[in-house]
């Protein structure tokens, strides 16, 4: 897809060496990361734990991030542990976002998260 990371929030290990600014707020919340595509579209990255999936905050974030901005609909990359996939899909159905073409689900094997 070719997205260039422009800002990030949180502890991400070795990437700390990159001098990146905090992402701006998008709606009511600040995403974990924002990048830009060559065509000017925005990419929003958000990572969730299994316990985060049904929080009010996660619901609000997805509602805000999936809305169109100045350059059209942003790509939204939602990362989560594989064990939470059913919960993520249930949440997306409940907010009418299960078929959003700009939403990319990134299921990460639990073994990689748990170490």
C-alpha atoms as a PDB file:
ATOM      1  CA  UNK A   1       0.000   0.000   0.000  1.00  0.00           C
ATOM      2  CA  UNK A   2       2.936   2.368   0.552  1.00  0.00           C
ATOM      3  CA  UNK A   3       2.019   4.387   3.633  1.00  0.00           C
ATOM      4  CA  UNK A   4       4.718   6.549   5.255  1.00  0.00           C
ATOM      5  CA  UNK A   5       4.475   6.799   9.050  1.00  0.00           C
ATOM      6  CA  UNK A   6       4.287  10.443  10.102  1.00  0.00           C
ATOM      7  CA  UNK A   7       3.347  10.257  13.792  1.00  0.00           C
ATOM      8  CA  UNK A   8       2.904   7.710  16.540  1.00  0.00           C
ATOM      9  CA  UNK A   9       1.976   7.436  20.202  1.00  0.00           C
ATOM     10  CA  UNK A  10       3.067   4.889  22.786  1.00  0.00           C
ATOM     11  CA  UNK A  11       6.063   2.733  23.560  1.00  0.00           C
ATOM     12  CA  UNK A  12       7.122   0.829  20.476  1.00  0.00           C
ATOM     13  CA  UNK A  13      10.643  -0.299  21.384  1.00  0.00           C
ATOM     14  CA  UNK A  14      13.393   0.428  18.862  1.00  0.00           C
ATOM     15  CA  UNK A  15      11.203   2.792  16.846  1.00  0.00           C
ATOM     16  CA  UNK A  16      11.542   5.246  19.769  1.00  0.00           C
ATOM     17  CA  UNK A  17      14.688   6.470  18.005  1.00  0.00           C
ATOM     18  CA  UNK A  18      12.572   7.971  15.247  1.00  0.00           C
ATOM     19  CA  UNK A  19      11.733  11.585  15.949  1.00  0.00           C
ATOM     20  CA  UNK A  20       8.010  11.412  15.242  1.00  0.00           C
ATOM     21  CA  UNK A  21       5.398  13.763  16.618  1.00  0.00           C
ATOM     22  CA  UNK A  22       2.285  12.675  18.466  1.00  0.00           C
ATOM     23  CA  UNK A  23      -0.650  12.098  16.111  1.00  0.00           C
ATOM     24  CA  UNK A  24      -3.300  14.802  16.072  1.00  0.00           C
ATOM     25  CA  UNK A  25      -6.711  13.990  17.474  1.00  0.00           C
ATOM     26  CA  UNK A  26      -9.179  12.552  15.001  1.00  0.00           C
ATOM     27  CA  UNK A  27     -12.616  13.300  16.343  1.00  0.00           C
ATOM     28  CA  UNK A  28     -12.698  12.601  20.075  1.00  0.00           C
ATOM     29  CA  UNK A  29      -9.446  10.613  20.324  1.00  0.00           C
ATOM     30  CA  UNK A  30      -5.799  10.443  19.306  1.00  0.00           C
ATOM     31  CA  UNK A  31      -4.907   7.350  17.218  1.00  0.00           C
ATOM     32  CA  UNK A  32      -1.834   5.221  17.875  1.00  0.00           C
ATOM     33  CA  UNK A  33      -0.299   6.135  14.512  1.00  0.00           C
ATOM     34  CA  UNK A  34      -0.945   8.187  11.393  1.00  0.00           C
ATOM     35  CA  UNK A  35       0.666   7.831   8.010  1.00  0.00           C
ATOM     36  CA  UNK A  36       0.265   9.364   4.577  1.00  0.00           C
ATOM     37  CA  UNK A  37      -0.119   7.669   1.204  1.00  0.00           C
ATOM     38  CA  UNK A  38       1.353   9.089  -1.999  1.00  0.00           C
ATOM     39  CA  UNK A  39      -2.146  10.047  -3.200  1.00  0.00           C
ATOM     40  CA  UNK A  40      -2.704  12.196  -0.075  1.00  0.00           C
ATOM     41  CA  UNK A  41      -4.988   9.765   1.753  1.00  0.00           C
ATOM     42  CA  UNK A  42      -4.473   9.301   5.436  1.00  0.00           C
ATOM     43  CA  UNK A  43      -3.790   5.978   7.124  1.00  0.00           C
ATOM     44  CA  UNK A  44      -4.798   5.588  10.771  1.00  0.00           C
ATOM     45  CA  UNK A  45      -3.318   2.790  12.864  1.00  0.00           C
ATOM     46  CA  UNK A  46      -4.958   1.598  16.067  1.00  0.00           C
ATOM     47  CA  UNK A  47      -3.951  -1.385  18.215  1.00  0.00           C
ATOM     48  CA  UNK A  48      -6.253  -3.046  20.724  1.00  0.00           C
ATOM     49  CA  UNK A  49      -5.922  -5.674  23.401  1.00  0.00           C
ATOM     50  CA  UNK A  50      -8.613  -8.327  23.796  1.00  0.00           C
ATOM     51  CA  UNK A  51     -10.029  -6.456  26.798  1.00  0.00           C
ATOM     52  CA  UNK A  52     -10.129  -3.125  24.888  1.00  0.00           C
ATOM     53  CA  UNK A  53     -12.410  -4.360  22.132  1.00  0.00           C
ATOM     54  CA  UNK A  54     -15.774  -3.651  23.758  1.00  0.00           C
ATOM     55  CA  UNK A  55     -14.816  -0.433  25.529  1.00  0.00           C
ATOM     56  CA  UNK A  56     -16.747   2.762  24.863  1.00  0.00           C
ATOM     57  CA  UNK A  57     -13.447   4.355  23.820  1.00  0.00           C
ATOM     58  CA  UNK A  58     -12.830   1.754  21.082  1.00  0.00           C
ATOM     59  CA  UNK A  59     -16.374   2.195  19.740  1.00  0.00           C
ATOM     60  CA  UNK A  60     -15.955   5.993  19.650  1.00  0.00           C
ATOM     61  CA  UNK A  61     -12.530   5.726  18.004  1.00  0.00           C
ATOM     62  CA  UNK A  62     -13.817   3.540  15.192  1.00  0.00           C
ATOM     63  CA  UNK A  63     -16.858   5.759  14.663  1.00  0.00           C
ATOM     64  CA  UNK A  64     -14.581   8.817  14.395  1.00  0.00           C
ATOM     65  CA  UNK A  65     -11.761   7.243  12.368  1.00  0.00           C
ATOM     66  CA  UNK A  66     -14.064   5.706   9.760  1.00  0.00           C
ATOM     67  CA  UNK A  67     -15.643   9.090   8.879  1.00  0.00           C
ATOM     68  CA  UNK A  68     -14.511  11.002   5.793  1.00  0.00           C
ATOM     69  CA  UNK A  69     -11.910  13.731   6.190  1.00  0.00           C
ATOM     70  CA  UNK A  70     -10.583  16.469   3.902  1.00  0.00           C
ATOM     71  CA  UNK A  71      -8.964  13.944   1.546  1.00  0.00           C
ATOM     72  CA  UNK A  72     -11.772  11.370   1.556  1.00  0.00           C
ATOM     73  CA  UNK A  73     -12.144   8.325   3.749  1.00  0.00           C
ATOM     74  CA  UNK A  74      -8.960   7.410   5.611  1.00  0.00           C
ATOM     75  CA  UNK A  75      -7.607   3.873   5.633  1.00  0.00           C
ATOM     76  CA  UNK A  76      -7.996   2.471   9.146  1.00  0.00           C
ATOM     77  CA  UNK A  77      -5.693  -0.368  10.210  1.00  0.00           C
ATOM     78  CA  UNK A  78      -7.041  -2.080  13.322  1.00  0.00           C
ATOM     79  CA  UNK A  79      -4.636  -4.471  15.033  1.00  0.00           C
ATOM     80  CA  UNK A  80      -5.795  -6.962  17.675  1.00  0.00           C
ATOM     81  CA  UNK A  81      -4.912 -10.397  19.092  1.00  0.00           C
ATOM     82  CA  UNK A  82      -6.203 -13.306  17.016  1.00  0.00           C
ATOM     83  CA  UNK A  83      -8.138 -14.607  20.016  1.00  0.00           C
ATOM     84  CA  UNK A  84     -10.282 -11.430  19.922  1.00  0.00           C
ATOM     85  CA  UNK A  85     -11.317 -11.706  16.257  1.00  0.00           C
ATOM     86  CA  UNK A  86     -14.875 -12.795  17.036  1.00  0.00           C
ATOM     87  CA  UNK A  87     -15.292  -9.901  19.464  1.00  0.00           C
ATOM     88  CA  UNK A  88     -13.869  -7.425  16.931  1.00  0.00           C
ATOM     89  CA  UNK A  89     -16.266  -8.623  14.231  1.00  0.00           C
ATOM     90  CA  UNK A  90     -19.173  -8.429  16.668  1.00  0.00           C
ATOM     91  CA  UNK A  91     -18.234  -4.833  17.543  1.00  0.00           C
ATOM     92  CA  UNK A  92     -17.951  -3.892  13.870  1.00  0.00           C
ATOM     93  CA  UNK A  93     -21.390  -5.380  13.145  1.00  0.00           C
ATOM     94  CA  UNK A  94     -22.884  -3.451  16.076  1.00  0.00           C
ATOM     95  CA  UNK A  95     -21.668  -0.104  14.696  1.00  0.00           C
ATOM     96  CA  UNK A  96     -22.431  -0.932  11.050  1.00  0.00           C
ATOM     97  CA  UNK A  97     -18.764  -1.059  10.053  1.00  0.00           C
ATOM     98  CA  UNK A  98     -18.321  -4.760   9.249  1.00  0.00           C
ATOM     99  CA  UNK A  99     -18.135  -4.095   5.487  1.00  0.00           C
ATOM    100  CA  UNK A 100     -16.224  -0.779   5.444  1.00  0.00           C
ATOM    101  CA  UNK A 101     -13.875  -1.024   2.453  1.00  0.00           C
ATOM    102  CA  UNK A 102     -11.314   1.300   4.050  1.00  0.00           C
ATOM    103  CA  UNK A 103     -11.027  -0.803   7.223  1.00  0.00           C
ATOM    104  CA  UNK A 104      -8.113  -3.264   7.303  1.00  0.00           C
ATOM    105  CA  UNK A 105      -8.208  -5.849  10.091  1.00  0.00           C
ATOM    106  CA  UNK A 106      -4.781  -6.963  11.316  1.00  0.00           C
ATOM    107  CA  UNK A 107      -5.111 -10.111  13.385  1.00  0.00           C
ATOM    108  CA  UNK A 108      -1.866 -10.742  15.285  1.00  0.00           C
ATOM    109  CA  UNK A 109      -1.130 -14.232  16.671  1.00  0.00           C
ATOM    110  CA  UNK A 110      -1.460 -14.178  20.454  1.00  0.00           C
ATOM    111  CA  UNK A 111       1.947 -15.843  20.764  1.00  0.00           C
ATOM    112  CA  UNK A 112       3.608 -12.757  19.287  1.00  0.00           C
ATOM    113  CA  UNK A 113       1.828 -10.457  21.721  1.00  0.00           C
ATOM    114  CA  UNK A 114       2.297 -12.555  24.839  1.00  0.00           C
ATOM    115  CA  UNK A 115       6.000 -13.085  24.132  1.00  0.00           C
END
